[in-house]
C-alpha atoms as a PDB file:
ATOM      1  CA  MET A   1      -6.273  -6.870  35.018  1.00  0.00           C
ATOM      2  CA  SER A   2      -3.305  -7.268  37.334  1.00  0.00           C
ATOM      3  CA  ASP A   3      -3.722  -3.753  38.759  1.00  0.00           C
ATOM      4  CA  PHE A   4      -7.443  -4.158  39.479  1.00  0.00           C
ATOM      5  CA  ASN A   5      -8.285  -2.613  42.846  1.00  0.00           C
ATOM      6  CA  TRP A   6     -11.670  -3.765  44.163  1.00  0.00           C
ATOM      7  CA  SER A   7     -12.083  -1.030  46.756  1.00  0.00           C
ATOM      8  CA  ARG A   8     -11.189   1.746  44.325  1.00  0.00           C
ATOM      9  CA  GLU A   9     -13.542   0.385  41.658  1.00  0.00           C
ATOM     10  CA  ALA A  10     -16.352   0.035  44.215  1.00  0.00           C
ATOM     11  CA  GLU A  11     -15.811   3.631  45.295  1.00  0.00           C
ATOM     12  CA  LYS A  12     -15.968   4.807  41.674  1.00  0.00           C
ATOM     13  CA  GLN A  13     -19.192   2.915  40.952  1.00  0.00           C
ATOM     14  CA  TRP A  14     -20.967   4.129  44.089  1.00  0.00           C
ATOM     15  CA  ASP A  15     -19.828   7.709  43.540  1.00  0.00           C
ATOM     16  CA  GLU A  16     -21.465   7.513  40.118  1.00  0.00           C
ATOM     17  CA  ARG A  17     -24.647   5.954  41.528  1.00  0.00           C
ATOM     18  CA  SER A  18     -24.989   8.289  44.493  1.00  0.00           C
ATOM     19  CA  SER A  19     -27.520  10.708  42.996  1.00  0.00           C
ATOM     20  CA  GLY A  20     -29.855   7.998  41.721  1.00  0.00           C
ATOM     21  CA  TRP A  21     -29.554   6.019  44.931  1.00  0.00           C
ATOM     22  CA  ASN A  22     -30.255   9.038  47.070  1.00  0.00           C
ATOM     23  CA  SER A  23     -33.508   9.703  45.223  1.00  0.00           C
ATOM     24  CA  LYS A  24     -34.979   6.289  46.078  1.00  0.00           C
ATOM     25  CA  SER A  25     -33.407   5.594  49.468  1.00  0.00           C
ATOM     26  CA  MET A  26     -36.143   7.233  51.538  1.00  0.00           C
ATOM     27  CA  GLU A  27     -38.820   5.135  49.831  1.00  0.00           C
ATOM     28  CA  MET A  28     -36.904   1.901  50.464  1.00  0.00           C
ATOM     29  CA  TRP A  29     -36.508   2.606  54.190  1.00  0.00           C
ATOM     30  CA  GLU A  30     -39.988   4.058  54.753  1.00  0.00           C
ATOM     31  CA  SER A  31     -42.258   1.815  52.678  1.00  0.00           C
ATOM     32  CA  GLY A  32     -40.150  -0.409  50.439  1.00  0.00           C
ATOM     33  CA  SER A  33     -37.821  -3.365  50.829  1.00  0.00           C
ATOM     34  CA  ARG A  34     -36.041  -1.979  53.914  1.00  0.00           C
ATOM     35  CA  LYS A  35     -39.055  -0.830  55.940  1.00  0.00           C
ATOM     36  CA  GLY A  36     -38.958  -3.811  58.331  1.00  0.00           C
ATOM     37  CA  ILE A  37     -35.226  -3.735  59.048  1.00  0.00           C
ATOM     38  CA  ILE A  38     -35.065  -1.082  61.785  1.00  0.00           C
ATOM     39  CA  PRO A  39     -37.992  -2.586  63.776  1.00  0.00           C
ATOM     40  CA  PHE A  40     -36.295  -5.987  63.420  1.00  0.00           C
ATOM     41  CA  PHE A  41     -32.977  -4.505  64.565  1.00  0.00           C
ATOM     42  CA  SER A  42     -34.492  -2.754  67.571  1.00  0.00           C
ATOM     43  CA  LYS A  43     -35.951  -6.026  68.876  1.00  0.00           C
ATOM     44  CA  HIS A  44     -32.430  -7.194  69.642  1.00  0.00           C
ATOM     45  CA  VAL A  45     -30.306  -4.079  70.216  1.00  0.00           C
ATOM     46  CA  ALA A  46     -31.199  -1.768  73.093  1.00  0.00           C
ATOM     47  CA  SER A  47     -31.706   1.928  72.375  1.00  0.00           C
ATOM     48  CA  MET A  48     -28.733   4.197  73.193  1.00  0.00           C
ATOM     49  CA  GLY A  49     -26.373   1.449  72.062  1.00  0.00           C
ATOM     50  CA  THR A  50     -23.407   2.228  69.827  1.00  0.00           C
ATOM     51  CA  VAL A  51     -24.042   1.126  66.245  1.00  0.00           C
ATOM     52  CA  CYS A  52     -21.850   1.143  63.151  1.00  0.00           C
ATOM     53  CA  ASP A  53     -23.752   1.375  59.864  1.00  0.00           C
ATOM     54  CA  LEU A  54     -21.432  -0.338  57.390  1.00  0.00           C
ATOM     55  CA  GLY A  55     -22.003   0.706  53.811  1.00  0.00           C
ATOM     56  CA  CYS A  56     -24.271   3.472  55.062  1.00  0.00           C
ATOM     57  CA  GLY A  57     -24.845   4.954  51.613  1.00  0.00           C
ATOM     58  CA  ASP A  58     -26.747   8.219  51.797  1.00  0.00           C
ATOM     59  CA  GLY A  59     -27.345   7.702  55.523  1.00  0.00           C
ATOM     60  CA  TYR A  60     -31.102   7.249  55.597  1.00  0.00           C
ATOM     61  CA  GLY A  61     -30.814   4.007  57.577  1.00  0.00           C
ATOM     62  CA  SER A  62     -28.481   5.811  59.964  1.00  0.00           C
ATOM     63  CA  LEU A  63     -31.104   8.532  60.343  1.00  0.00           C
ATOM     64  CA  LYS A  64     -33.728   5.953  61.301  1.00  0.00           C
ATOM     65  CA  LEU A  65     -31.363   4.510  63.916  1.00  0.00           C
ATOM     66  CA  ALA A  66     -30.447   7.927  65.313  1.00  0.00           C
ATOM     67  CA  ASP A  67     -34.133   8.828  65.613  1.00  0.00           C
ATOM     68  CA  LEU A  68     -34.545   5.808  67.921  1.00  0.00           C
ATOM     69  CA  GLY A  69     -31.721   6.961  70.162  1.00  0.00           C
ATOM     70  CA  TYR A  70     -28.822   4.855  68.877  1.00  0.00           C
ATOM     71  CA  LEU A  71     -25.353   6.395  68.767  1.00  0.00           C
ATOM     72  CA  VAL A  72     -24.502   5.896  65.098  1.00  0.00           C
ATOM     73  CA  THR A  73     -21.253   5.907  63.154  1.00  0.00           C
ATOM     74  CA  GLY A  74     -21.706   5.415  59.419  1.00  0.00           C
ATOM     75  CA  LEU A  75     -18.960   4.224  57.099  1.00  0.00           C
ATOM     76  CA  ASP A  76     -18.970   4.024  53.307  1.00  0.00           C
ATOM     77  CA  VAL A  77     -16.374   3.606  50.560  1.00  0.00           C
ATOM     78  CA  SER A  78     -17.920   6.439  48.510  1.00  0.00           C
ATOM     79  CA  GLU A  79     -17.025  10.046  49.300  1.00  0.00           C
ATOM     80  CA  GLU A  80     -20.179  11.170  47.493  1.00  0.00           C
ATOM     81  CA  MET A  81     -22.325   8.920  49.675  1.00  0.00           C
ATOM     82  CA  ILE A  82     -20.642  10.196  52.841  1.00  0.00           C
ATOM     83  CA  HIS A  83     -21.356  13.768  51.762  1.00  0.00           C
ATOM     84  CA  LYS A  84     -25.035  12.928  51.244  1.00  0.00           C
ATOM     85  CA  ALA A  85     -25.187  11.010  54.554  1.00  0.00           C
ATOM     86  CA  ARG A  86     -23.955  14.056  56.462  1.00  0.00           C
ATOM     87  CA  GLY A  87     -26.633  16.166  54.813  1.00  0.00           C
ATOM     88  CA  THR A  88     -29.338  13.608  55.546  1.00  0.00           C
ATOM     89  CA  ASN A  89     -28.328  13.502  59.218  1.00  0.00           C
ATOM     90  CA  GLU A  90     -27.754  17.194  59.786  1.00  0.00           C
ATOM     91  CA  GLY A  91     -29.019  18.014  63.247  1.00  0.00           C
ATOM     92  CA  ASN A  92     -28.562  14.630  64.902  1.00  0.00           C
ATOM     93  CA  THR A  93     -25.566  12.965  66.557  1.00  0.00           C
ATOM     94  CA  ALA A  94     -24.684  10.498  63.772  1.00  0.00           C
ATOM     95  CA  GLN A  95     -21.171  10.807  62.396  1.00  0.00           C
ATOM     96  CA  PHE A  96     -19.750   9.524  59.112  1.00  0.00           C
ATOM     97  CA  ILE A  97     -16.382   8.273  57.937  1.00  0.00           C
ATOM     98  CA  LYS A  98     -15.135   7.309  54.489  1.00  0.00           C
ATOM     99  CA  GLY A  99     -13.550   3.860  54.580  1.00  0.00           C
ATOM    100  CA  ASP A 100     -13.392   0.258  53.417  1.00  0.00           C
ATOM    101  CA  ILE A 101     -15.566  -2.122  55.467  1.00  0.00           C
ATOM    102  CA  SER A 102     -12.934  -4.848  55.089  1.00  0.00           C
ATOM    103  CA  LYS A 103     -10.431  -2.613  56.974  1.00  0.00           C
ATOM    104  CA  LEU A 104     -12.419  -0.996  59.742  1.00  0.00           C
ATOM    105  CA  PRO A 105     -10.724   2.036  61.357  1.00  0.00           C
ATOM    106  CA  PHE A 106     -12.011   1.224  64.841  1.00  0.00           C
ATOM    107  CA  GLU A 107     -10.613  -0.280  68.035  1.00  0.00           C
ATOM    108  CA  ASN A 108     -11.596  -3.758  69.205  1.00  0.00           C
ATOM    109  CA  ASN A 109     -14.993  -3.962  70.936  1.00  0.00           C
ATOM    110  CA  SER A 110     -16.051  -0.480  69.818  1.00  0.00           C
ATOM    111  CA  PHE A 111     -19.734  -1.156  69.123  1.00  0.00           C
ATOM    112  CA  ASP A 112     -22.761  -2.857  70.601  1.00  0.00           C
ATOM    113  CA  ALA A 113     -23.949  -3.735  67.106  1.00  0.00           C
ATOM    114  CA  VAL A 114     -23.324  -3.378  63.403  1.00  0.00           C
ATOM    115  CA  LEU A 115     -25.858  -2.856  60.626  1.00  0.00           C
ATOM    116  CA  ALA A 116     -24.712  -3.920  57.152  1.00  0.00           C
ATOM    117  CA  ILE A 117     -27.477  -3.891  54.544  1.00  0.00           C
ATOM    118  CA  ASN A 118     -26.530  -4.907  50.998  1.00  0.00           C
ATOM    119  CA  SER A 119     -22.908  -3.976  51.626  1.00  0.00           C
ATOM    120  CA  LEU A 120     -21.224  -7.332  52.274  1.00  0.00           C
ATOM    121  CA  GLU A 121     -21.758  -8.346  48.629  1.00  0.00           C
ATOM    122  CA  TRP A 122     -19.777  -5.316  47.473  1.00  0.00           C
ATOM    123  CA  THR A 123     -16.545  -6.558  49.021  1.00  0.00           C
ATOM    124  CA  GLU A 124     -13.867  -8.763  47.515  1.00  0.00           C
ATOM    125  CA  ASP A 125     -13.513 -10.937  50.627  1.00  0.00           C
ATOM    126  CA  PRO A 126     -16.754 -11.292  52.635  1.00  0.00           C
ATOM    127  CA  LEU A 127     -15.077 -13.563  55.183  1.00  0.00           C
ATOM    128  CA  LYS A 128     -12.531 -10.850  55.970  1.00  0.00           C
ATOM    129  CA  VAL A 129     -15.396  -8.414  56.561  1.00  0.00           C
ATOM    130  CA  ILE A 130     -17.179 -10.868  58.859  1.00  0.00           C
ATOM    131  CA  LYS A 131     -13.971 -11.217  60.891  1.00  0.00           C
ATOM    132  CA  GLU A 132     -13.511  -7.438  61.024  1.00  0.00           C
ATOM    133  CA  ILE A 133     -17.090  -7.013  62.246  1.00  0.00           C
ATOM    134  CA  LYS A 134     -16.438  -9.635  64.915  1.00  0.00           C
ATOM    135  CA  ARG A 135     -13.375  -7.696  66.049  1.00  0.00           C
ATOM    136  CA  VAL A 136     -15.158  -4.354  66.497  1.00  0.00           C
ATOM    137  CA  VAL A 137     -18.403  -5.699  68.009  1.00  0.00           C
ATOM    138  CA  LYS A 138     -18.436  -6.293  71.757  1.00  0.00           C
ATOM    139  CA  PRO A 139     -18.804  -9.846  73.137  1.00  0.00           C
ATOM    140  CA  GLY A 140     -22.491 -10.722  73.006  1.00  0.00           C
ATOM    141  CA  GLY A 141     -23.166  -7.874  70.585  1.00  0.00           C
ATOM    142  CA  PHE A 142     -24.944  -8.189  67.258  1.00  0.00           C
ATOM    143  CA  ALA A 143     -24.393  -7.944  63.535  1.00  0.00           C
ATOM    144  CA  CYS A 144     -27.503  -7.371  61.435  1.00  0.00           C
ATOM    145  CA  ILE A 145     -26.501  -8.297  57.884  1.00  0.00           C
ATOM    146  CA  GLY A 146     -28.816  -8.086  54.885  1.00  0.00           C
ATOM    147  CA  ILE A 147     -27.881  -9.660  51.564  1.00  0.00           C
ATOM    148  CA  LEU A 148     -29.680  -9.881  48.238  1.00  0.00           C
ATOM    149  CA  GLY A 149     -31.919 -12.923  47.973  1.00  0.00           C
ATOM    150  CA  PRO A 150     -32.193 -15.234  44.945  1.00  0.00           C
ATOM    151  CA  THR A 151     -35.081 -13.236  43.414  1.00  0.00           C
ATOM    152  CA  ALA A 152     -33.332  -9.833  43.587  1.00  0.00           C
ATOM    153  CA  ALA A 153     -32.680  -8.345  40.156  1.00  0.00           C
ATOM    154  CA  PRO A 154     -29.523  -6.479  41.335  1.00  0.00           C
ATOM    155  CA  ARG A 155     -27.759  -9.857  41.520  1.00  0.00           C
ATOM    156  CA  ILE A 156     -27.219  -9.360  37.770  1.00  0.00           C
ATOM    157  CA  ASN A 157     -24.286  -7.155  38.803  1.00  0.00           C
ATOM    158  CA  SER A 158     -22.280 -10.303  39.531  1.00  0.00           C
ATOM    159  CA  TYR A 159     -23.208 -12.204  36.357  1.00  0.00           C
ATOM    160  CA  ARG A 160     -20.122 -11.241  34.336  1.00  0.00           C
ATOM    161  CA  ARG A 161     -17.913 -13.140  36.782  1.00  0.00           C
ATOM    162  CA  LEU A 162     -18.933 -16.234  34.802  1.00  0.00           C
ATOM    163  CA  TYR A 163     -16.901 -14.797  31.924  1.00  0.00           C
ATOM    164  CA  ASN A 164     -13.955 -14.472  34.306  1.00  0.00           C
ATOM    165  CA  GLU A 165     -14.402 -10.708  34.418  1.00  0.00           C
ATOM    166  CA  LYS A 166     -13.744  -8.625  37.500  1.00  0.00           C
ATOM    167  CA  VAL A 167     -17.064  -7.464  38.953  1.00  0.00           C
ATOM    168  CA  ILE A 168     -17.733  -5.361  42.032  1.00  0.00           C
ATOM    169  CA  CYS A 169     -20.480  -7.602  43.358  1.00  0.00           C
ATOM    170  CA  ASN A 170     -19.870 -10.817  45.284  1.00  0.00           C
ATOM    171  CA  THR A 171     -23.321 -12.348  45.690  1.00  0.00           C
ATOM    172  CA  MET A 172     -23.966 -15.320  47.952  1.00  0.00           C
ATOM    173  CA  MET A 173     -26.918 -17.384  49.060  1.00  0.00           C
ATOM    174  CA  PRO A 174     -28.499 -16.643  52.470  1.00  0.00           C
ATOM    175  CA  TRP A 175     -27.550 -20.065  53.801  1.00  0.00           C
ATOM    176  CA  GLU A 176     -23.941 -19.462  52.733  1.00  0.00           C
ATOM    177  CA  LEU A 177     -23.742 -16.260  54.789  1.00  0.00           C
ATOM    178  CA  GLU A 178     -25.224 -17.923  57.854  1.00  0.00           C
ATOM    179  CA  GLN A 179     -22.955 -20.955  57.581  1.00  0.00           C
ATOM    180  CA  LEU A 180     -19.882 -18.791  56.983  1.00  0.00           C
ATOM    181  CA  ALA A 181     -20.761 -16.690  60.037  1.00  0.00           C
ATOM    182  CA  GLY A 182     -21.463 -19.772  62.164  1.00  0.00           C
ATOM    183  CA  GLU A 183     -18.084 -21.254  61.316  1.00  0.00           C
ATOM    184  CA  ASN A 184     -16.367 -18.034  62.376  1.00  0.00           C
ATOM    185  CA  GLY A 185     -17.680 -17.281  65.826  1.00  0.00           C
ATOM    186  CA  TRP A 186     -21.195 -15.985  65.231  1.00  0.00           C
ATOM    187  CA  GLU A 187     -24.484 -17.470  66.416  1.00  0.00           C
ATOM    188  CA  LYS A 188     -27.712 -16.926  64.494  1.00  0.00           C
ATOM    189  CA  ALA A 189     -30.207 -15.147  66.754  1.00  0.00           C
ATOM    190  CA  ASP A 190     -32.981 -14.350  64.286  1.00  0.00           C
ATOM    191  CA  SER A 191     -33.727 -13.720  60.611  1.00  0.00           C
ATOM    192  CA  LEU A 192     -36.045 -11.643  58.463  1.00  0.00           C
ATOM    193  CA  GLY A 193     -37.161 -12.444  54.932  1.00  0.00           C
ATOM    194  CA  VAL A 194     -38.109  -9.661  52.528  1.00  0.00           C
ATOM    195  CA  TYR A 195     -40.222 -10.657  49.529  1.00  0.00           C
ATOM    196  CA  LYS A 196     -41.316  -9.173  46.228  1.00  0.00           C
ATOM    197  CA  ARG A 197     -44.815  -7.987  45.560  1.00  0.00           C
ATOM    198  CA  GLY A 198     -46.826 -10.892  44.255  1.00  0.00           C
ATOM    199  CA  THR A 199     -45.909 -13.289  47.031  1.00  0.00           C
ATOM    200  CA  ASP A 200     -48.593 -11.894  49.363  1.00  0.00           C
ATOM    201  CA  GLN A 201     -50.960 -14.761  48.671  1.00  0.00           C
ATOM    202  CA  MET A 202     -48.337 -17.437  49.241  1.00  0.00           C
ATOM    203  CA  PRO A 203     -48.202 -19.267  52.606  1.00  0.00           C
ATOM    204  CA  ILE A 204     -44.592 -18.183  53.178  1.00  0.00           C
ATOM    205  CA  GLY A 205     -44.803 -18.547  56.958  1.00  0.00           C
ATOM    206  CA  SER A 206     -45.572 -22.243  56.650  1.00  0.00           C
ATOM    207  CA  LEU A 207     -42.600 -22.976  54.385  1.00  0.00           C
ATOM    208  CA  SER A 208     -39.236 -24.322  55.520  1.00  0.00           C
ATOM    209  CA  THR A 209     -36.381 -21.877  56.032  1.00  0.00           C
ATOM    210  CA  GLU A 210     -34.727 -23.125  52.852  1.00  0.00           C
ATOM    211  CA  LEU A 211     -37.826 -22.414  50.763  1.00  0.00           C
ATOM    212  CA  ARG A 212     -38.397 -19.018  52.374  1.00  0.00           C
ATOM    213  CA  GLN A 213     -34.793 -18.077  51.604  1.00  0.00           C
ATOM    214  CA  ALA A 214     -35.176 -19.288  48.020  1.00  0.00           C
ATOM    215  CA  LEU A 215     -38.132 -16.907  47.511  1.00  0.00           C
ATOM    216  CA  SER A 216     -36.537 -13.911  49.187  1.00  0.00           C
ATOM    217  CA  PHE A 217     -35.642 -10.576  47.633  1.00  0.00           C
ATOM    218  CA  MET A 218     -33.445  -9.890  50.655  1.00  0.00           C
ATOM    219  CA  TRP A 219     -32.488 -12.029  53.628  1.00  0.00           C
ATOM    220  CA  VAL A 220     -31.544 -10.299  56.876  1.00  0.00           C
ATOM    221  CA  SER A 221     -29.633 -12.297  59.491  1.00  0.00           C
ATOM    222  CA  MET A 222     -29.256 -11.192  63.112  1.00  0.00           C
ATOM    223  CA  LEU A 223     -26.007 -12.686  64.374  1.00  0.00           C
ATOM    224  CA  ARG A 224     -24.689 -12.708  67.949  1.00  0.00           C
ATOM    225  CA  ASN A 225     -20.960 -12.375  68.605  1.00  0.00           C
ATOM    226  CA  ASN A 226     -19.742 -15.377  70.626  1.00  0.00           C
ATOM    227  CA  LYS A 227     -16.202 -14.180  71.325  1.00  0.00           C
END
């Protein structure tokens, strides 16, 4: 379709998914696949720092950050998600803006860090987003980016691209994200692998990075801005 608008289609899909997503978000952040992300983030970014939560969804991750003392601005393409995020964060200092993460409405060097969990894949041009994040993060600041790993079922969202159809999911391999970031002014500082149930008995810690990434449900990269 010549008039296909990625951002508008992404907004439509996430508006429609907002209720279902909201019902499971707390579980993901408290005991599920995202439970280790905030502790991982806080190892590198000092409390009271300014943080932008890109693709904040219903704002539960923003809530976890705000509870630790971070000054949080959440941004999401979905108006429904922004509405839910404001409700989730009622009573704290987090603020929320509707917007496209590939066109950030912020000045250069606005934040100490960015958190972007499973949002980069939902953009038409991930490289453009990485460059935008670099622009708004201060020199020496961090970007904590989580993408779906090879074993994540939601990657099926991108399958129809093989039929040359327009899909609102741009999956990539963990090594591709880290190489793309490294070639565009970011330095890898750390990483976190998230794995499905059933891998508990596997000696994951003794495997090479490539094998650990291949088994991951989600791969979270902590990147340092070298500008």
